[in-house]
Amino acid sequence: MSVIASSRSAGVLFSGTRFLSRALLAIGASLLLALSAKIQVPFWPVPITLQSMAVLLVGITLGSRLGALTILAYLAEGALGLPVFAGAAAGPAYLMGPTGGYLLGFLMSGAFAGWAAEHGWGRDFSRTVPVMLLGHVLILVPGMFWLAMLLGWSKAVAFGIVPFLFATLLKSALGAAIVAALWKMVAARRAR
């Protein structure tokens, strides 16, 4: 079960109608994704950002459906030209550039992370780390295939996978710690 989007947790954390609270969650999560894109280590052809961790957290906390819809909304915002991506550019051409495969991977990994959380894999640190790691794989693999079409296989691996490995481990551990802390907050609120 996801942290926030479950019916019990949503009632604990937010009041009001179910639709309104979920719409506000999706808007807030979309803003989180945009902000996480701006926190980056410049690298070519794809910058290292906090986005992959944020995508997985969106999936885990909102669940597979709302998480995927939120990520789709984020991608649509960027496709429409809003400055939500890591670079200064946006629009349909940006989606076709070097980061296009990673952006597609966001949708797959967010939906996977939500599904995993709905099936009990997102409640504590030890059960969240595998979700975070596999979720990152679901981002990196389409990114690598996309880059291979643009740059060739050797450059795709050298520039699209290798530089991200250490950061992936760090972001997976940090994301798992954040999820564990969120569940502790939910448990404390339920106890009141």
C-alpha atoms as a PDB file:
ATOM      1  CA  MET A   1       0.000   0.000   0.000  1.00  0.00           C
ATOM      2  CA  SER A   2       1.341   3.430  -0.876  1.00  0.00           C
ATOM      3  CA  VAL A   3       2.098   5.874   1.910  1.00  0.00           C
ATOM      4  CA  ILE A   4      -0.248   8.728   1.066  1.00  0.00           C
ATOM      5  CA  ALA A   5      -2.712   7.559  -1.539  1.00  0.00           C
ATOM      6  CA  SER A   6      -4.143   4.722   0.501  1.00  0.00           C
ATOM      7  CA  SER A   7      -7.625   5.542   1.658  1.00  0.00           C
ATOM      8  CA  ARG A   8      -6.669   5.289   5.321  1.00  0.00           C
ATOM      9  CA  SER A   9      -3.492   7.378   5.021  1.00  0.00           C
ATOM     10  CA  ALA A  10      -5.087  10.043   2.845  1.00  0.00           C
ATOM     11  CA  GLY A  11      -7.732  10.583   5.484  1.00  0.00           C
ATOM     12  CA  VAL A  12      -5.052  10.891   8.143  1.00  0.00           C
ATOM     13  CA  LEU A  13      -2.916  13.381   6.224  1.00  0.00           C
ATOM     14  CA  PHE A  14      -5.509  15.401   4.310  1.00  0.00           C
ATOM     15  CA  SER A  15      -9.077  16.472   4.890  1.00  0.00           C
ATOM     16  CA  GLY A  16     -11.662  17.359   2.248  1.00  0.00           C
ATOM     17  CA  THR A  17     -12.971  15.440  -0.657  1.00  0.00           C
ATOM     18  CA  ARG A  18     -11.062  12.486  -2.033  1.00  0.00           C
ATOM     19  CA  PHE A  19     -10.849  13.980  -5.536  1.00  0.00           C
ATOM     20  CA  LEU A  20      -9.638  17.369  -4.323  1.00  0.00           C
ATOM     21  CA  SER A  21      -7.006  15.895  -2.022  1.00  0.00           C
ATOM     22  CA  ARG A  22      -5.699  13.607  -4.777  1.00  0.00           C
ATOM     23  CA  ALA A  23      -5.654  16.448  -7.315  1.00  0.00           C
ATOM     24  CA  LEU A  24      -3.668  18.584  -4.874  1.00  0.00           C
ATOM     25  CA  LEU A  25      -1.300  15.675  -4.239  1.00  0.00           C
ATOM     26  CA  ALA A  26      -0.738  15.237  -7.980  1.00  0.00           C
ATOM     27  CA  ILE A  27      -0.097  18.967  -8.492  1.00  0.00           C
ATOM     28  CA  GLY A  28       2.290  19.079  -5.541  1.00  0.00           C
ATOM     29  CA  ALA A  29       4.115  15.959  -6.716  1.00  0.00           C
ATOM     30  CA  SER A  30       4.411  17.407 -10.224  1.00  0.00           C
ATOM     31  CA  LEU A  31       6.017  20.507  -8.713  1.00  0.00           C
ATOM     32  CA  LEU A  32       8.372  18.257  -6.718  1.00  0.00           C
ATOM     33  CA  LEU A  33       9.417  16.562  -9.958  1.00  0.00           C
ATOM     34  CA  ALA A  34      10.092  19.937 -11.590  1.00  0.00           C
ATOM     35  CA  LEU A  35      12.143  21.131  -8.600  1.00  0.00           C
ATOM     36  CA  SER A  36      14.101  17.882  -8.459  1.00  0.00           C
ATOM     37  CA  ALA A  37      15.065  18.392 -12.109  1.00  0.00           C
ATOM     38  CA  LYS A  38      16.723  21.682 -11.232  1.00  0.00           C
ATOM     39  CA  ILE A  39      18.955  20.127  -8.536  1.00  0.00           C
ATOM     40  CA  GLN A  40      21.677  18.719 -10.742  1.00  0.00           C
ATOM     41  CA  VAL A  41      25.285  17.925 -11.384  1.00  0.00           C
ATOM     42  CA  PRO A  42      26.027  19.127 -14.916  1.00  0.00           C
ATOM     43  CA  PHE A  43      27.032  16.239 -17.142  1.00  0.00           C
ATOM     44  CA  TRP A  44      26.870  15.523 -20.867  1.00  0.00           C
ATOM     45  CA  PRO A  45      24.715  14.343 -22.561  1.00  0.00           C
ATOM     46  CA  VAL A  46      22.362  13.824 -19.602  1.00  0.00           C
ATOM     47  CA  PRO A  47      22.705  15.697 -16.273  1.00  0.00           C
ATOM     48  CA  ILE A  48      22.627  13.863 -12.948  1.00  0.00           C
ATOM     49  CA  THR A  49      19.571  15.101 -11.026  1.00  0.00           C
ATOM     50  CA  LEU A  50      17.400  14.122  -8.076  1.00  0.00           C
ATOM     51  CA  GLN A  51      14.553  13.416 -10.485  1.00  0.00           C
ATOM     52  CA  SER A  52      14.865   9.642 -10.507  1.00  0.00           C
ATOM     53  CA  MET A  53      14.559   9.530  -6.731  1.00  0.00           C
ATOM     54  CA  ALA A  54      11.625  11.933  -6.832  1.00  0.00           C
ATOM     55  CA  VAL A  55       9.875   9.860  -9.519  1.00  0.00           C
ATOM     56  CA  LEU A  56      10.182   6.738  -7.385  1.00  0.00           C
ATOM     57  CA  LEU A  57       8.994   8.573  -4.281  1.00  0.00           C
ATOM     58  CA  VAL A  58       5.975   9.836  -6.222  1.00  0.00           C
ATOM     59  CA  GLY A  59       5.141   6.281  -7.230  1.00  0.00           C
ATOM     60  CA  ILE A  60       5.630   4.848  -3.753  1.00  0.00           C
ATOM     61  CA  THR A  61       3.689   7.586  -1.982  1.00  0.00           C
ATOM     62  CA  LEU A  62       0.851   8.074  -4.470  1.00  0.00           C
ATOM     63  CA  GLY A  63       0.455   4.519  -5.725  1.00  0.00           C
ATOM     64  CA  SER A  64       0.637   3.117  -9.233  1.00  0.00           C
ATOM     65  CA  ARG A  65      -2.338   4.917 -10.788  1.00  0.00           C
ATOM     66  CA  LEU A  66      -2.081   8.353  -9.232  1.00  0.00           C
ATOM     67  CA  GLY A  67       1.714   8.203  -9.407  1.00  0.00           C
ATOM     68  CA  ALA A  68       1.645   7.360 -13.123  1.00  0.00           C
ATOM     69  CA  LEU A  69      -0.940  10.067 -13.802  1.00  0.00           C
ATOM     70  CA  THR A  70       1.210  12.575 -11.942  1.00  0.00           C
ATOM     71  CA  ILE A  71       4.277  11.637 -13.979  1.00  0.00           C
ATOM     72  CA  LEU A  72       2.238  11.817 -17.190  1.00  0.00           C
ATOM     73  CA  ALA A  73       1.079  15.295 -16.165  1.00  0.00           C
ATOM     74  CA  TYR A  74       4.698  16.300 -15.536  1.00  0.00           C
ATOM     75  CA  LEU A  75       5.744  15.011 -18.968  1.00  0.00           C
ATOM     76  CA  ALA A  76       2.806  16.822 -20.582  1.00  0.00           C
ATOM     77  CA  GLU A  77       3.796  20.062 -18.831  1.00  0.00           C
ATOM     78  CA  GLY A  78       7.268  19.751 -20.328  1.00  0.00           C
ATOM     79  CA  ALA A  79       5.920  18.803 -23.763  1.00  0.00           C
ATOM     80  CA  LEU A  80       3.762  21.934 -23.682  1.00  0.00           C
ATOM     81  CA  GLY A  81       6.869  24.038 -23.102  1.00  0.00           C
ATOM     82  CA  LEU A  82       6.780  24.649 -19.361  1.00  0.00           C
ATOM     83  CA  PRO A  83      10.322  24.758 -17.890  1.00  0.00           C
ATOM     84  CA  VAL A  84      10.012  21.592 -15.789  1.00  0.00           C
ATOM     85  CA  PHE A  85      12.865  19.508 -17.238  1.00  0.00           C
ATOM     86  CA  ALA A  86      16.523  19.511 -16.206  1.00  0.00           C
ATOM     87  CA  GLY A  87      17.647  21.690 -19.084  1.00  0.00           C
ATOM     88  CA  ALA A  88      16.521  25.169 -19.937  1.00  0.00           C
ATOM     89  CA  ALA A  89      14.641  23.850 -22.973  1.00  0.00           C
ATOM     90  CA  ALA A  90      11.233  22.207 -23.056  1.00  0.00           C
ATOM     91  CA  GLY A  91       8.677  21.190 -25.640  1.00  0.00           C
ATOM     92  CA  PRO A  92       8.272  18.147 -27.862  1.00  0.00           C
ATOM     93  CA  ALA A  93      11.816  18.457 -29.253  1.00  0.00           C
ATOM     94  CA  TYR A  94      13.239  18.070 -25.736  1.00  0.00           C
ATOM     95  CA  LEU A  95      11.418  14.764 -25.372  1.00  0.00           C
ATOM     96  CA  MET A  96      13.172  13.571 -28.532  1.00  0.00           C
ATOM     97  CA  GLY A  97      16.641  14.614 -27.284  1.00  0.00           C
ATOM     98  CA  PRO A  98      19.200  12.658 -25.243  1.00  0.00           C
ATOM     99  CA  THR A  99      16.997  12.528 -22.135  1.00  0.00           C
ATOM    100  CA  GLY A 100      13.913  11.148 -23.950  1.00  0.00           C
ATOM    101  CA  GLY A 101      14.496   7.534 -22.934  1.00  0.00           C
ATOM    102  CA  TYR A 102      15.001   8.457 -19.296  1.00  0.00           C
ATOM    103  CA  LEU A 103      11.782  10.471 -19.331  1.00  0.00           C
ATOM    104  CA  LEU A 104       9.917   7.435 -20.697  1.00  0.00           C
ATOM    105  CA  GLY A 105      11.570   5.377 -17.966  1.00  0.00           C
ATOM    106  CA  PHE A 106      10.160   7.791 -15.372  1.00  0.00           C
ATOM    107  CA  LEU A 107       6.663   6.668 -16.237  1.00  0.00           C
ATOM    108  CA  MET A 108       7.523   2.965 -16.074  1.00  0.00           C
ATOM    109  CA  SER A 109       9.495   3.237 -12.847  1.00  0.00           C
ATOM    110  CA  GLY A 110       6.937   5.419 -11.083  1.00  0.00           C
ATOM    111  CA  ALA A 111       4.129   3.002 -11.965  1.00  0.00           C
ATOM    112  CA  PHE A 112       6.292   0.054 -10.870  1.00  0.00           C
ATOM    113  CA  ALA A 113       7.215   1.703  -7.559  1.00  0.00           C
ATOM    114  CA  GLY A 114       3.551   2.433  -6.870  1.00  0.00           C
ATOM    115  CA  TRP A 115       2.590  -1.145  -7.692  1.00  0.00           C
ATOM    116  CA  ALA A 116       5.364  -2.472  -5.456  1.00  0.00           C
ATOM    117  CA  ALA A 117       4.248  -0.236  -2.588  1.00  0.00           C
ATOM    118  CA  GLU A 118       0.652  -1.386  -3.045  1.00  0.00           C
ATOM    119  CA  HIS A 119       1.948  -4.934  -2.595  1.00  0.00           C
ATOM    120  CA  GLY A 120       3.864  -4.227   0.620  1.00  0.00           C
ATOM    121  CA  TRP A 121       7.270  -3.323  -0.820  1.00  0.00           C
ATOM    122  CA  GLY A 122       7.565   0.216   0.429  1.00  0.00           C
ATOM    123  CA  ARG A 123       7.011   0.250   4.136  1.00  0.00           C
ATOM    124  CA  ASP A 124      10.480   0.194   5.625  1.00  0.00           C
ATOM    125  CA  PHE A 125      14.060   0.743   4.578  1.00  0.00           C
ATOM    126  CA  SER A 126      14.921  -2.874   3.786  1.00  0.00           C
ATOM    127  CA  ARG A 127      11.840  -3.468   1.615  1.00  0.00           C
ATOM    128  CA  THR A 128      12.110  -0.099  -0.131  1.00  0.00           C
ATOM    129  CA  VAL A 129      15.753  -0.339  -1.233  1.00  0.00           C
ATOM    130  CA  PRO A 130      15.048  -3.113  -3.792  1.00  0.00           C
ATOM    131  CA  VAL A 131      12.114  -1.101  -5.159  1.00  0.00           C
ATOM    132  CA  MET A 132      14.310   1.966  -5.519  1.00  0.00           C
ATOM    133  CA  LEU A 133      17.112   0.001  -7.201  1.00  0.00           C
ATOM    134  CA  LEU A 134      14.839  -1.797  -9.657  1.00  0.00           C
ATOM    135  CA  GLY A 135      12.988   1.456 -10.301  1.00  0.00           C
ATOM    136  CA  HIS A 136      16.275   3.100 -11.241  1.00  0.00           C
ATOM    137  CA  VAL A 137      16.987   0.211 -13.621  1.00  0.00           C
ATOM    138  CA  LEU A 138      13.613   0.916 -15.258  1.00  0.00           C
ATOM    139  CA  ILE A 139      14.804   4.474 -15.846  1.00  0.00           C
ATOM    140  CA  LEU A 140      18.365   3.707 -16.921  1.00  0.00           C
ATOM    141  CA  VAL A 141      17.604   0.937 -19.427  1.00  0.00           C
ATOM    142  CA  PRO A 142      15.232   2.924 -21.689  1.00  0.00           C
ATOM    143  CA  GLY A 143      17.617   5.863 -21.334  1.00  0.00           C
ATOM    144  CA  MET A 144      20.513   3.724 -22.499  1.00  0.00           C
ATOM    145  CA  PHE A 145      18.558   2.308 -25.456  1.00  0.00           C
ATOM    146  CA  TRP A 146      17.466   5.802 -26.483  1.00  0.00           C
ATOM    147  CA  LEU A 147      21.008   7.154 -26.240  1.00  0.00           C
ATOM    148  CA  ALA A 148      22.285   4.166 -28.225  1.00  0.00           C
ATOM    149  CA  MET A 149      20.006   5.175 -31.085  1.00  0.00           C
ATOM    150  CA  LEU A 150      21.434   8.700 -30.948  1.00  0.00           C
ATOM    151  CA  LEU A 151      25.101   8.091 -30.052  1.00  0.00           C
ATOM    152  CA  GLY A 152      25.853   4.364 -30.484  1.00  0.00           C
ATOM    153  CA  TRP A 153      26.141   1.616 -27.859  1.00  0.00           C
ATOM    154  CA  SER A 154      29.588   2.349 -26.464  1.00  0.00           C
ATOM    155  CA  LYS A 155      28.801   6.013 -25.824  1.00  0.00           C
ATOM    156  CA  ALA A 156      25.347   5.138 -24.460  1.00  0.00           C
ATOM    157  CA  VAL A 157      26.888   2.877 -21.825  1.00  0.00           C
ATOM    158  CA  ALA A 158      29.841   5.188 -21.125  1.00  0.00           C
ATOM    159  CA  PHE A 159      27.745   8.353 -20.795  1.00  0.00           C
ATOM    160  CA  GLY A 160      24.257   7.038 -20.067  1.00  0.00           C
ATOM    161  CA  ILE A 161      24.836   4.318 -17.474  1.00  0.00           C
ATOM    162  CA  VAL A 162      28.307   4.290 -15.894  1.00  0.00           C
ATOM    163  CA  PRO A 163      28.263   7.857 -14.504  1.00  0.00           C
ATOM    164  CA  PHE A 164      24.890   7.213 -12.860  1.00  0.00           C
ATOM    165  CA  LEU A 165      25.716   4.009 -10.979  1.00  0.00           C
ATOM    166  CA  PHE A 166      27.119   5.528  -7.783  1.00  0.00           C
ATOM    167  CA  ALA A 167      24.455   8.251  -7.715  1.00  0.00           C
ATOM    168  CA  THR A 168      21.793   5.561  -8.188  1.00  0.00           C
ATOM    169  CA  LEU A 169      22.998   3.715  -5.095  1.00  0.00           C
ATOM    170  CA  LEU A 170      23.011   6.920  -3.048  1.00  0.00           C
ATOM    171  CA  LYS A 171      19.584   8.052  -4.261  1.00  0.00           C
ATOM    172  CA  SER A 172      18.133   4.594  -3.643  1.00  0.00           C
ATOM    173  CA  ALA A 173      19.350   4.576  -0.036  1.00  0.00           C
ATOM    174  CA  LEU A 174      18.202   8.159   0.561  1.00  0.00           C
ATOM    175  CA  GLY A 175      14.799   7.466  -0.998  1.00  0.00           C
ATOM    176  CA  ALA A 176      14.339   4.344   1.132  1.00  0.00           C
ATOM    177  CA  ALA A 177      15.189   6.369   4.247  1.00  0.00           C
ATOM    178  CA  ILE A 178      12.634   9.030   3.268  1.00  0.00           C
ATOM    179  CA  VAL A 179       9.935   6.385   2.755  1.00  0.00           C
ATOM    180  CA  ALA A 180      10.697   4.801   6.132  1.00  0.00           C
ATOM    181  CA  ALA A 181      10.443   8.235   7.778  1.00  0.00           C
ATOM    182  CA  LEU A 182       7.119   8.931   6.020  1.00  0.00           C
ATOM    183  CA  TRP A 183       5.672   5.662   7.303  1.00  0.00           C
ATOM    184  CA  LYS A 184       6.773   6.574  10.839  1.00  0.00           C
ATOM    185  CA  MET A 185       4.967   9.926  10.454  1.00  0.00           C
ATOM    186  CA  VAL A 186       1.816   8.166   9.244  1.00  0.00           C
ATOM    187  CA  ALA A 187       1.961   5.726  12.154  1.00  0.00           C
ATOM    188  CA  ALA A 188       2.382   8.593  14.637  1.00  0.00           C
ATOM    189  CA  ARG A 189      -0.608  10.451  13.182  1.00  0.00           C
ATOM    190  CA  ARG A 190      -2.743   7.334  13.276  1.00  0.00           C
ATOM    191  CA  ALA A 191      -1.842   6.813  16.929  1.00  0.00           C
ATOM    192  CA  ARG A 192      -3.247  10.202  17.909  1.00  0.00           C
END
